Every structure is written in C-alpha cells, then in structure tokens.
PDB file of N, CA and C in Angstrom:
ATOM      1  N   MET A   1     -19.759  17.669 -22.712  1.00  0.00           N
ATOM      2  CA  MET A   1     -18.348  17.692 -22.382  1.00  0.00           C
ATOM      3  C   MET A   1     -17.824  19.102 -22.720  1.00  0.00           C
ATOM      4  N   GLU A   2     -16.840  19.484 -21.859  1.00  0.00           N
ATOM      5  CA  GLU A   2     -16.150  20.749 -21.894  1.00  0.00           C
ATOM      6  C   GLU A   2     -15.086  20.807 -23.117  1.00  0.00           C
ATOM      7  N   SER A   3     -14.946  22.075 -23.500  1.00  0.00           N
ATOM      8  CA  SER A   3     -14.057  22.162 -24.611  1.00  0.00           C
ATOM      9  C   SER A   3     -12.660  22.146 -23.884  1.00  0.00           C
ATOM     10  N   THR A   4     -11.556  21.911 -24.727  1.00  0.00           N
ATOM     11  CA  THR A   4     -10.246  21.854 -24.355  1.00  0.00           C
ATOM     12  C   THR A   4      -9.863  23.409 -23.769  1.00  0.00           C
ATOM     13  N   GLU A   5     -10.416  24.306 -24.359  1.00  0.00           N
ATOM     14  CA  GLU A   5     -10.149  25.762 -23.912  1.00  0.00           C
ATOM     15  C   GLU A   5     -10.725  25.889 -22.483  1.00  0.00           C
ATOM     16  N   ALA A   6     -11.928  25.369 -22.252  1.00  0.00           N
ATOM     17  CA  ALA A   6     -12.541  25.538 -20.904  1.00  0.00           C
ATOM     18  C   ALA A   6     -11.717  24.681 -19.944  1.00  0.00           C
ATOM     19  N   ILE A   7     -11.273  23.604 -20.206  1.00  0.00           N
ATOM     20  CA  ILE A   7     -10.404  22.731 -19.334  1.00  0.00           C
ATOM     21  C   ILE A   7      -9.139  23.499 -19.018  1.00  0.00           C
ATOM     22  N   LYS A   8      -8.363  23.965 -20.030  1.00  0.00           N
ATOM     23  CA  LYS A   8      -7.207  24.645 -19.866  1.00  0.00           C
ATOM     24  C   LYS A   8      -7.506  25.958 -18.909  1.00  0.00           C
ATOM     25  N   LYS A   9      -8.484  26.619 -18.967  1.00  0.00           N
ATOM     26  CA  LYS A   9      -8.791  27.648 -18.185  1.00  0.00           C
ATOM     27  C   LYS A   9      -8.955  27.227 -16.672  1.00  0.00           C
ATOM     28  N   LYS A  10      -9.569  26.168 -16.485  1.00  0.00           N
ATOM     29  CA  LYS A  10      -9.704  25.526 -15.145  1.00  0.00           C
ATOM     30  C   LYS A  10      -8.432  25.196 -14.590  1.00  0.00           C
ATOM     31  N   ILE A  11      -7.429  24.677 -15.399  1.00  0.00           N
ATOM     32  CA  ILE A  11      -6.122  24.348 -14.912  1.00  0.00           C
ATOM     33  C   ILE A  11      -5.433  25.539 -14.657  1.00  0.00           C
ATOM     34  N   ALA A  12      -5.505  26.702 -15.437  1.00  0.00           N
ATOM     35  CA  ALA A  12      -4.778  27.844 -15.128  1.00  0.00           C
ATOM     36  C   ALA A  12      -5.332  28.454 -13.712  1.00  0.00           C
ATOM     37  N   ARG A  13      -6.658  28.419 -13.596  1.00  0.00           N
ATOM     38  CA  ARG A  13      -7.195  28.941 -12.359  1.00  0.00           C
ATOM     39  C   ARG A  13      -6.676  28.003 -11.090  1.00  0.00           C
ATOM     40  N   LEU A  14      -6.630  26.768 -11.294  1.00  0.00           N
ATOM     41  CA  LEU A  14      -6.103  25.870 -10.205  1.00  0.00           C
ATOM     42  C   LEU A  14      -4.719  26.152  -9.884  1.00  0.00           C
ATOM     43  N   LEU A  15      -3.922  26.435 -10.939  1.00  0.00           N
ATOM     44  CA  LEU A  15      -2.455  26.784 -10.691  1.00  0.00           C
ATOM     45  C   LEU A  15      -2.160  28.101  -9.993  1.00  0.00           C
ATOM     46  N   ALA A  16      -3.158  29.059 -10.304  1.00  0.00           N
ATOM     47  CA  ALA A  16      -3.039  30.433  -9.725  1.00  0.00           C
ATOM     48  C   ALA A  16      -3.592  30.389  -8.291  1.00  0.00           C
ATOM     49  N   LYS A  17      -4.510  29.562  -8.095  1.00  0.00           N
ATOM     50  CA  LYS A  17      -5.024  29.666  -6.589  1.00  0.00           C
ATOM     51  C   LYS A  17      -4.207  29.139  -5.568  1.00  0.00           C
ATOM     52  N   LYS A  18      -4.123  29.960  -4.554  1.00  0.00           N
ATOM     53  CA  LYS A  18      -3.211  29.587  -3.280  1.00  0.00           C
ATOM     54  C   LYS A  18      -3.997  28.717  -2.366  1.00  0.00           C
ATOM     55  N   GLY A  19      -5.244  28.757  -2.205  1.00  0.00           N
ATOM     56  CA  GLY A  19      -5.966  27.870  -1.419  1.00  0.00           C
ATOM     57  C   GLY A  19      -6.128  28.568   0.079  1.00  0.00           C
ATOM     58  N   ILE A  20      -6.583  27.764   1.084  1.00  0.00           N
ATOM     59  CA  ILE A  20      -6.792  28.388   2.338  1.00  0.00           C
ATOM     60  C   ILE A  20      -5.573  29.060   2.961  1.00  0.00           C
ATOM     61  N   PRO A  21      -5.528  30.172   3.217  1.00  0.00           N
ATOM     62  CA  PRO A  21      -4.274  30.865   4.013  1.00  0.00           C
ATOM     63  C   PRO A  21      -4.016  30.031   5.171  1.00  0.00           C
ATOM     64  N   LEU A  22      -2.652  30.133   5.553  1.00  0.00           N
ATOM     65  CA  LEU A  22      -2.215  29.367   6.830  1.00  0.00           C
ATOM     66  C   LEU A  22      -2.835  30.176   7.944  1.00  0.00           C
ATOM     67  N   PHE A  23      -2.759  31.586   8.016  1.00  0.00           N
ATOM     68  CA  PHE A  23      -3.363  32.239   9.144  1.00  0.00           C
ATOM     69  C   PHE A  23      -4.945  31.913   9.469  1.00  0.00           C
ATOM     70  N   PHE A  24      -5.555  31.696   8.409  1.00  0.00           N
ATOM     71  CA  PHE A  24      -6.940  31.316   8.574  1.00  0.00           C
ATOM     72  C   PHE A  24      -7.191  30.032   9.461  1.00  0.00           C
ATOM     73  N   LEU A  25      -6.399  29.153   9.098  1.00  0.00           N
ATOM     74  CA  LEU A  25      -6.390  27.881   9.917  1.00  0.00           C
ATOM     75  C   LEU A  25      -6.008  28.075  11.343  1.00  0.00           C
ATOM     76  N   ALA A  26      -4.916  28.975  11.575  1.00  0.00           N
ATOM     77  CA  ALA A  26      -4.510  29.237  12.917  1.00  0.00           C
ATOM     78  C   ALA A  26      -5.528  29.995  13.682  1.00  0.00           C
ATOM     79  N   ASP A  27      -6.441  30.947  12.933  1.00  0.00           N
ATOM     80  CA  ASP A  27      -7.353  31.618  13.618  1.00  0.00           C
ATOM     81  C   ASP A  27      -8.496  30.596  14.234  1.00  0.00           C
ATOM     82  N   ASN A  28      -8.772  29.596  13.573  1.00  0.00           N
ATOM     83  CA  ASN A  28      -9.708  28.697  14.147  1.00  0.00           C
ATOM     84  C   ASN A  28      -9.419  28.008  15.349  1.00  0.00           C
ATOM     85  N   ASN A  29      -8.245  28.076  15.728  1.00  0.00           N
ATOM     86  CA  ASN A  29      -7.857  27.367  17.094  1.00  0.00           C
ATOM     87  C   ASN A  29      -8.613  27.679  18.171  1.00  0.00           C
ATOM     88  N   SER A  30      -9.307  28.817  18.185  1.00  0.00           N
ATOM     89  CA  SER A  30     -10.257  29.186  19.352  1.00  0.00           C
ATOM     90  C   SER A  30     -11.632  28.570  19.271  1.00  0.00           C
ATOM     91  N   LEU A  31     -11.921  27.742  18.230  1.00  0.00           N
ATOM     92  CA  LEU A  31     -13.226  27.068  18.138  1.00  0.00           C
ATOM     93  C   LEU A  31     -13.311  26.092  19.209  1.00  0.00           C
ATOM     94  N   ALA A  32     -14.620  25.793  19.637  1.00  0.00           N
ATOM     95  CA  ALA A  32     -14.919  24.938  20.774  1.00  0.00           C
ATOM     96  C   ALA A  32     -14.411  23.638  20.535  1.00  0.00           C
ATOM     97  N   ASN A  33     -14.602  23.116  19.233  1.00  0.00           N
ATOM     98  CA  ASN A  33     -14.266  21.747  19.058  1.00  0.00           C
ATOM     99  C   ASN A  33     -12.772  21.419  18.552  1.00  0.00           C
ATOM    100  N   TYR A  34     -11.947  22.412  18.503  1.00  0.00           N
ATOM    101  CA  TYR A  34     -10.520  22.290  18.348  1.00  0.00           C
ATOM    102  C   TYR A  34      -9.741  22.038  19.472  1.00  0.00           C
ATOM    103  N   ASP A  35      -8.855  20.883  19.400  1.00  0.00           N
ATOM    104  CA  ASP A  35      -8.015  20.569  20.441  1.00  0.00           C
ATOM    105  C   ASP A  35      -6.638  21.088  20.379  1.00  0.00           C
ATOM    106  N   GLY A  36      -6.311  21.432  19.134  1.00  0.00           N
ATOM    107  CA  GLY A  36      -4.964  22.085  18.910  1.00  0.00           C
ATOM    108  C   GLY A  36      -4.479  22.027  17.486  1.00  0.00           C
ATOM    109  N   ILE A  37      -3.570  22.947  17.224  1.00  0.00           N
ATOM    110  CA  ILE A  37      -2.986  23.003  15.917  1.00  0.00           C
ATOM    111  C   ILE A  37      -1.443  22.962  15.879  1.00  0.00           C
ATOM    112  N   ASN A  38      -0.849  22.128  15.025  1.00  0.00           N
ATOM    113  CA  ASN A  38       0.545  22.019  14.920  1.00  0.00           C
ATOM    114  C   ASN A  38       1.065  22.487  13.530  1.00  0.00           C
ATOM    115  N   LEU A  39       1.960  23.393  13.510  1.00  0.00           N
ATOM    116  CA  LEU A  39       2.575  23.888  12.176  1.00  0.00           C
ATOM    117  C   LEU A  39       3.955  23.619  12.255  1.00  0.00           C
ATOM    118  N   TYR A  40       4.433  23.024  11.202  1.00  0.00           N
ATOM    119  CA  TYR A  40       5.857  22.523  11.014  1.00  0.00           C
ATOM    120  C   TYR A  40       6.175  22.333   9.573  1.00  0.00           C
ATOM    121  N   LYS A  41       7.663  22.395   9.337  1.00  0.00           N
ATOM    122  CA  LYS A  41       8.113  22.119   7.921  1.00  0.00           C
ATOM    123  C   LYS A  41       8.739  20.615   7.924  1.00  0.00           C
ATOM    124  N   ARG A  42       8.407  20.053   6.715  1.00  0.00           N
ATOM    125  CA  ARG A  42       9.141  18.784   6.486  1.00  0.00           C
ATOM    126  C   ARG A  42       9.117  18.506   5.129  1.00  0.00           C
ATOM    127  N   ASP A  43      10.196  18.012   4.532  1.00  0.00           N
ATOM    128  CA  ASP A  43      10.308  17.652   3.027  1.00  0.00           C
ATOM    129  C   ASP A  43       9.936  18.980   2.250  1.00  0.00           C
ATOM    130  N   SER A  44      10.503  19.958   2.455  1.00  0.00           N
ATOM    131  CA  SER A  44      10.193  21.154   1.557  1.00  0.00           C
ATOM    132  C   SER A  44       8.646  21.543   1.580  1.00  0.00           C
ATOM    133  N   MET A  45       7.901  21.139   2.584  1.00  0.00           N
ATOM    134  CA  MET A  45       6.592  21.485   2.758  1.00  0.00           C
ATOM    135  C   MET A  45       6.277  22.174   4.168  1.00  0.00           C
ATOM    136  N   VAL A  46       5.243  23.030   4.177  1.00  0.00           N
ATOM    137  CA  VAL A  46       4.628  23.491   5.419  1.00  0.00           C
ATOM    138  C   VAL A  46       3.410  22.659   5.747  1.00  0.00           C
ATOM    139  N   ILE A  47       3.479  22.024   6.924  1.00  0.00           N
ATOM    140  CA  ILE A  47       2.258  21.288   7.256  1.00  0.00           C
ATOM    141  C   ILE A  47       1.593  21.700   8.333  1.00  0.00           C
ATOM    142  N   VAL A  48       0.208  21.655   8.432  1.00  0.00           N
ATOM    143  CA  VAL A  48      -0.674  22.168   9.436  1.00  0.00           C
ATOM    144  C   VAL A  48      -1.522  20.882   9.786  1.00  0.00           C
ATOM    145  N   ASP A  49      -1.258  20.345  10.940  1.00  0.00           N
ATOM    146  CA  ASP A  49      -2.197  19.480  11.575  1.00  0.00           C
ATOM    147  C   ASP A  49      -3.145  19.972  12.634  1.00  0.00           C
ATOM    148  N   ILE A  50      -4.391  19.664  12.291  1.00  0.00           N
ATOM    149  CA  ILE A  50      -5.429  20.245  13.200  1.00  0.00           C
ATOM    150  C   ILE A  50      -6.230  19.042  13.877  1.00  0.00           C
ATOM    151  N   LYS A  51      -6.064  19.071  15.170  1.00  0.00           N
ATOM    152  CA  LYS A  51      -6.869  17.896  15.824  1.00  0.00           C
ATOM    153  C   LYS A  51      -8.094  18.627  16.347  1.00  0.00           C
ATOM    154  N   CYS A  52      -9.173  17.918  16.173  1.00  0.00           N
ATOM    155  CA  CYS A  52     -10.554  18.383  16.726  1.00  0.00           C
ATOM    156  C   CYS A  52     -11.518  17.371  16.988  1.00  0.00           C
ATOM    157  N   LYS A  53     -12.652  17.657  17.242  1.00  0.00           N
ATOM    158  CA  LYS A  53     -13.729  16.610  17.632  1.00  0.00           C
ATOM    159  C   LYS A  53     -14.926  16.936  16.634  1.00  0.00           C
ATOM    160  N   TYR A  54     -15.581  15.806  16.018  1.00  0.00           N
ATOM    161  CA  TYR A  54     -16.801  15.996  15.427  1.00  0.00           C
ATOM    162  C   TYR A  54     -17.883  16.304  16.413  1.00  0.00           C
ATOM    163  N   LEU A  55     -18.465  17.445  16.441  1.00  0.00           N
ATOM    164  CA  LEU A  55     -19.418  17.884  17.502  1.00  0.00           C
ATOM    165  C   LEU A  55     -20.511  16.886  17.723  1.00  0.00           C
ATOM    166  N   ASP A  56     -21.204  16.393  16.833  1.00  0.00           N
ATOM    167  CA  ASP A  56     -22.380  15.625  17.042  1.00  0.00           C
ATOM    168  C   ASP A  56     -22.162  14.261  17.660  1.00  0.00           C
ATOM    169  N   ALA A  57     -20.868  13.754  17.626  1.00  0.00           N
ATOM    170  CA  ALA A  57     -20.635  12.513  18.087  1.00  0.00           C
ATOM    171  C   ALA A  57     -19.372  12.456  18.975  1.00  0.00           C
ATOM    172  N   ASN A  58     -18.861  13.546  19.232  1.00  0.00           N
ATOM    173  CA  ASN A  58     -17.688  13.650  20.008  1.00  0.00           C
ATOM    174  C   ASN A  58     -16.456  12.706  19.597  1.00  0.00           C
ATOM    175  N   VAL A  59     -16.294  12.494  18.187  1.00  0.00           N
ATOM    176  CA  VAL A  59     -15.311  11.693  17.521  1.00  0.00           C
ATOM    177  C   VAL A  59     -14.065  12.477  17.228  1.00  0.00           C
ATOM    178  N   PRO A  60     -12.899  11.993  17.604  1.00  0.00           N
ATOM    179  CA  PRO A  60     -11.611  12.713  17.371  1.00  0.00           C
ATOM    180  C   PRO A  60     -11.321  12.648  15.842  1.00  0.00           C
ATOM    181  N   MET A  61     -10.859  13.815  15.327  1.00  0.00           N
ATOM    182  CA  MET A  61     -10.519  13.845  13.982  1.00  0.00           C
ATOM    183  C   MET A  61      -9.258  14.703  13.768  1.00  0.00           C
ATOM    184  N   MET A  62      -8.645  14.456  12.595  1.00  0.00           N
ATOM    185  CA  MET A  62      -7.416  15.364  12.383  1.00  0.00           C
ATOM    186  C   MET A  62      -7.438  15.647  10.868  1.00  0.00           C
ATOM    187  N   PHE A  63      -7.219  16.882  10.650  1.00  0.00           N
ATOM    188  CA  PHE A  63      -6.894  17.376   9.326  1.00  0.00           C
ATOM    189  C   PHE A  63      -5.571  17.677   9.065  1.00  0.00           C
ATOM    190  N   ARG A  64      -5.061  17.411   7.973  1.00  0.00           N
ATOM    191  CA  ARG A  64      -3.652  17.832   7.573  1.00  0.00           C
ATOM    192  C   ARG A  64      -3.623  18.503   6.350  1.00  0.00           C
ATOM    193  N   TYR A  65      -3.151  19.805   6.365  1.00  0.00           N
ATOM    194  CA  TYR A  65      -3.016  20.565   5.231  1.00  0.00           C
ATOM    195  C   TYR A  65      -1.568  20.638   4.781  1.00  0.00           C
ATOM    196  N   LYS A  66      -1.279  20.478   3.507  1.00  0.00           N
ATOM    197  CA  LYS A  66       0.196  20.501   3.151  1.00  0.00           C
ATOM    198  C   LYS A  66       0.376  21.740   2.136  1.00  0.00           C
ATOM    199  N   TYR A  67       1.241  22.579   2.381  1.00  0.00           N
ATOM    200  CA  TYR A  67       1.606  23.512   1.505  1.00  0.00           C
ATOM    201  C   TYR A  67       3.145  23.506   0.974  1.00  0.00           C
ATOM    202  N   ASP A  68       3.232  24.137  -0.203  1.00  0.00           N
ATOM    203  CA  ASP A  68       4.506  24.150  -0.567  1.00  0.00           C
ATOM    204  C   ASP A  68       5.136  25.428   0.063  1.00  0.00           C
ATOM    205  N   MET A  69       6.496  25.694  -0.077  1.00  0.00           N
ATOM    206  CA  MET A  69       7.143  26.758   0.585  1.00  0.00           C
ATOM    207  C   MET A  69       6.617  28.140   0.180  1.00  0.00           C
ATOM    208  N   ASN A  70       5.919  28.341  -0.751  1.00  0.00           N
ATOM    209  CA  ASN A  70       5.253  29.575  -1.119  1.00  0.00           C
ATOM    210  C   ASN A  70       3.949  29.765  -0.535  1.00  0.00           C
ATOM    211  N   GLU A  71       3.685  28.824   0.476  1.00  0.00           N
ATOM    212  CA  GLU A  71       2.312  28.783   1.198  1.00  0.00           C
ATOM    213  C   GLU A  71       1.021  28.691   0.266  1.00  0.00           C
ATOM    214  N   VAL A  72       1.358  27.960  -0.805  1.00  0.00           N
ATOM    215  CA  VAL A  72       0.269  27.370  -1.775  1.00  0.00           C
ATOM    216  C   VAL A  72      -0.267  25.922  -1.259  1.00  0.00           C
ATOM    217  N   LEU A  73      -1.467  25.834  -1.173  1.00  0.00           N
ATOM    218  CA  LEU A  73      -2.077  24.522  -0.625  1.00  0.00           C
ATOM    219  C   LEU A  73      -2.009  23.571  -1.772  1.00  0.00           C
ATOM    220  N   ILE A  74      -1.335  22.348  -1.375  1.00  0.00           N
ATOM    221  CA  ILE A  74      -1.241  21.235  -2.483  1.00  0.00           C
ATOM    222  C   ILE A  74      -2.045  20.017  -2.168  1.00  0.00           C
ATOM    223  N   ARG A  75      -2.364  19.912  -0.755  1.00  0.00           N
ATOM    224  CA  ARG A  75      -3.067  18.559  -0.487  1.00  0.00           C
ATOM    225  C   ARG A  75      -3.744  18.738   0.887  1.00  0.00           C
ATOM    226  N   THR A  76      -4.878  18.091   1.057  1.00  0.00           N
ATOM    227  CA  THR A  76      -5.677  18.130   2.296  1.00  0.00           C
ATOM    228  C   THR A  76      -6.009  16.687   2.557  1.00  0.00           C
ATOM    229  N   GLU A  77      -5.804  16.282   3.757  1.00  0.00           N
ATOM    230  CA  GLU A  77      -6.095  14.827   4.165  1.00  0.00           C
ATOM    231  C   GLU A  77      -6.884  14.921   5.398  1.00  0.00           C
ATOM    232  N   MET A  78      -7.658  13.760   5.868  1.00  0.00           N
ATOM    233  CA  MET A  78      -8.387  13.810   6.998  1.00  0.00           C
ATOM    234  C   MET A  78      -8.228  12.373   7.639  1.00  0.00           C
ATOM    235  N   THR A  79      -8.245  12.418   8.937  1.00  0.00           N
ATOM    236  CA  THR A  79      -8.161  10.999   9.724  1.00  0.00           C
ATOM    237  C   THR A  79      -9.398  10.948  10.751  1.00  0.00           C
ATOM    238  N   ILE A  80     -10.232  10.005  10.607  1.00  0.00           N
ATOM    239  CA  ILE A  80     -11.289   9.756  11.677  1.00  0.00           C
ATOM    240  C   ILE A  80     -11.111   8.414  12.023  1.00  0.00           C
ATOM    241  N   GLY A  81     -11.067   8.140  13.443  1.00  0.00           N
ATOM    242  CA  GLY A  81     -10.985   6.882  14.008  1.00  0.00           C
ATOM    243  C   GLY A  81      -9.814   5.999  13.435  1.00  0.00           C
ATOM    244  N   GLY A  82      -8.610   6.710  13.112  1.00  0.00           N
ATOM    245  CA  GLY A  82      -7.509   6.019  12.674  1.00  0.00           C
ATOM    246  C   GLY A  82      -7.453   5.782  11.206  1.00  0.00           C
ATOM    247  N   ARG A  83      -8.692   6.119  10.521  1.00  0.00           N
ATOM    248  CA  ARG A  83      -8.833   5.820   9.004  1.00  0.00           C
ATOM    249  C   ARG A  83      -8.464   7.207   8.310  1.00  0.00           C
ATOM    250  N   GLU A  84      -7.437   6.998   7.457  1.00  0.00           N
ATOM    251  CA  GLU A  84      -6.965   8.219   6.616  1.00  0.00           C
ATOM    252  C   GLU A  84      -7.733   8.283   5.305  1.00  0.00           C
ATOM    253  N   SER A  85      -8.007   9.488   4.936  1.00  0.00           N
ATOM    254  CA  SER A  85      -8.579   9.697   3.623  1.00  0.00           C
ATOM    255  C   SER A  85      -8.027  10.935   2.923  1.00  0.00           C
ATOM    256  N   LEU A  86      -8.075  10.991   1.666  1.00  0.00           N
ATOM    257  CA  LEU A  86      -7.610  12.222   0.879  1.00  0.00           C
ATOM    258  C   LEU A  86      -8.886  12.977   0.607  1.00  0.00           C
ATOM    259  N   ILE A  87      -8.819  14.278   0.934  1.00  0.00           N
ATOM    260  CA  ILE A  87      -9.888  15.225   0.662  1.00  0.00           C
ATOM    261  C   ILE A  87      -9.643  15.814  -0.677  1.00  0.00           C
ATOM    262  N   TRP A  88      -8.460  16.263  -0.831  1.00  0.00           N
ATOM    263  CA  TRP A  88      -8.128  17.054  -2.123  1.00  0.00           C
ATOM    264  C   TRP A  88      -6.653  17.091  -2.374  1.00  0.00           C
ATOM    265  N   ASP A  89      -6.288  16.945  -3.637  1.00  0.00           N
ATOM    266  CA  ASP A  89      -4.942  16.955  -4.095  1.00  0.00           C
ATOM    267  C   ASP A  89      -4.910  17.748  -5.357  1.00  0.00           C
ATOM    268  N   LYS A  90      -4.127  18.851  -5.352  1.00  0.00           N
ATOM    269  CA  LYS A  90      -4.008  19.807  -6.456  1.00  0.00           C
ATOM    270  C   LYS A  90      -3.487  19.070  -7.630  1.00  0.00           C
ATOM    271  N   ARG A  91      -2.330  18.442  -7.504  1.00  0.00           N
ATOM    272  CA  ARG A  91      -1.656  17.787  -8.620  1.00  0.00           C
ATOM    273  C   ARG A  91      -2.614  16.769  -9.246  1.00  0.00           C
ATOM    274  N   GLU A  92      -3.452  15.978  -8.436  1.00  0.00           N
ATOM    275  CA  GLU A  92      -4.259  14.976  -9.011  1.00  0.00           C
ATOM    276  C   GLU A  92      -5.445  15.657  -9.778  1.00  0.00           C
ATOM    277  N   GLU A  93      -5.828  16.731  -9.338  1.00  0.00           N
ATOM    278  CA  GLU A  93      -7.021  17.426  -9.899  1.00  0.00           C
ATOM    279  C   GLU A  93      -6.411  18.129 -11.327  1.00  0.00           C
ATOM    280  N   ILE A  94      -5.325  18.473 -11.325  1.00  0.00           N
ATOM    281  CA  ILE A  94      -4.878  19.142 -12.558  1.00  0.00           C
ATOM    282  C   ILE A  94      -4.492  17.830 -13.550  1.00  0.00           C
ATOM    283  N   GLU A  95      -3.927  16.840 -13.065  1.00  0.00           N
ATOM    284  CA  GLU A  95      -3.699  15.653 -13.926  1.00  0.00           C
ATOM    285  C   GLU A  95      -4.993  15.038 -14.526  1.00  0.00           C
ATOM    286  N   GLU A  96      -6.055  15.038 -13.565  1.00  0.00           N
ATOM    287  CA  GLU A  96      -7.372  14.661 -14.298  1.00  0.00           C
ATOM    288  C   GLU A  96      -7.964  15.595 -15.165  1.00  0.00           C
ATOM    289  N   LEU A  97      -7.785  16.766 -15.053  1.00  0.00           N
ATOM    290  CA  LEU A  97      -8.280  17.582 -16.082  1.00  0.00           C
ATOM    291  C   LEU A  97      -7.463  17.722 -17.327  1.00  0.00           C
ATOM    292  N   TRP A  98      -6.165  17.589 -17.042  1.00  0.00           N
ATOM    293  CA  TRP A  98      -5.264  17.460 -18.315  1.00  0.00           C
ATOM    294  C   TRP A  98      -5.597  16.235 -19.176  1.00  0.00           C
ATOM    295  N   ALA A  99      -6.077  15.219 -18.567  1.00  0.00           N
ATOM    296  CA  ALA A  99      -6.277  13.989 -19.335  1.00  0.00           C
ATOM    297  C   ALA A  99      -7.476  14.179 -20.277  1.00  0.00           C
ATOM    298  N   TRP A 100      -8.312  15.258 -20.084  1.00  0.00           N
ATOM    299  CA  TRP A 100      -9.378  15.457 -20.900  1.00  0.00           C
ATOM    300  C   TRP A 100      -9.051  16.458 -22.093  1.00  0.00           C
ATOM    301  N   CYS A 101      -7.846  16.923 -22.131  1.00  0.00           N
ATOM    302  CA  CYS A 101      -7.336  17.674 -23.190  1.00  0.00           C
ATOM    303  C   CYS A 101      -6.853  16.923 -24.503  1.00  0.00           C
TER     304      CYS A 101
END
C-alpha cells in the first residue's frame, strides 16, 4: 500500500497535467480510419468528437474528449456500436486516490 505522501504526489501530478492537447487530436484527422472531427463549446467545456472506424473490423466508433476552458482534459468517452463507455475521468481518478488518504 502506498503512503499518504505518495498518493498526494499522484494527485498533484494529475491536477497539474493538461492531457492530450487539442491540436494533437486535430492533427490526427488525416489518418485513414478517421471520418471526421468536430470541435465545439458547450456548458463551459470544449468538446472534441472524433468519428472513426476500427480498422480490423470496419466498426464505426466515436471518441469524445471533454476539456475545461483552459484546455485541460477532464474526461474521455468512447462509443462503439451505440454503446457508450467511460475511458477516463480526471475527477473520478482524483476522488479515488483521495479516498486512500
């Protein structure tokens, strides 16, 4: 089990980390399996929707990246075949770590 100090350091790193830059996502639009990227603002967030296909099975997919207004990644979601799933949520990860302190 990790010490409280080690967990606090992990939380601090998470808070400081900005995540995948928006321009990096936009640069991927030229990839063969990408169908398009939409970038928009809603509810004080910048949202990036990426529509693509899983290359091995030609299955349509969508990834949604949610950023705060400072372009810090706060959540990543994925939809495959109409089924949505959470990939990563910064707040949830911090809360889970904090629970160990």
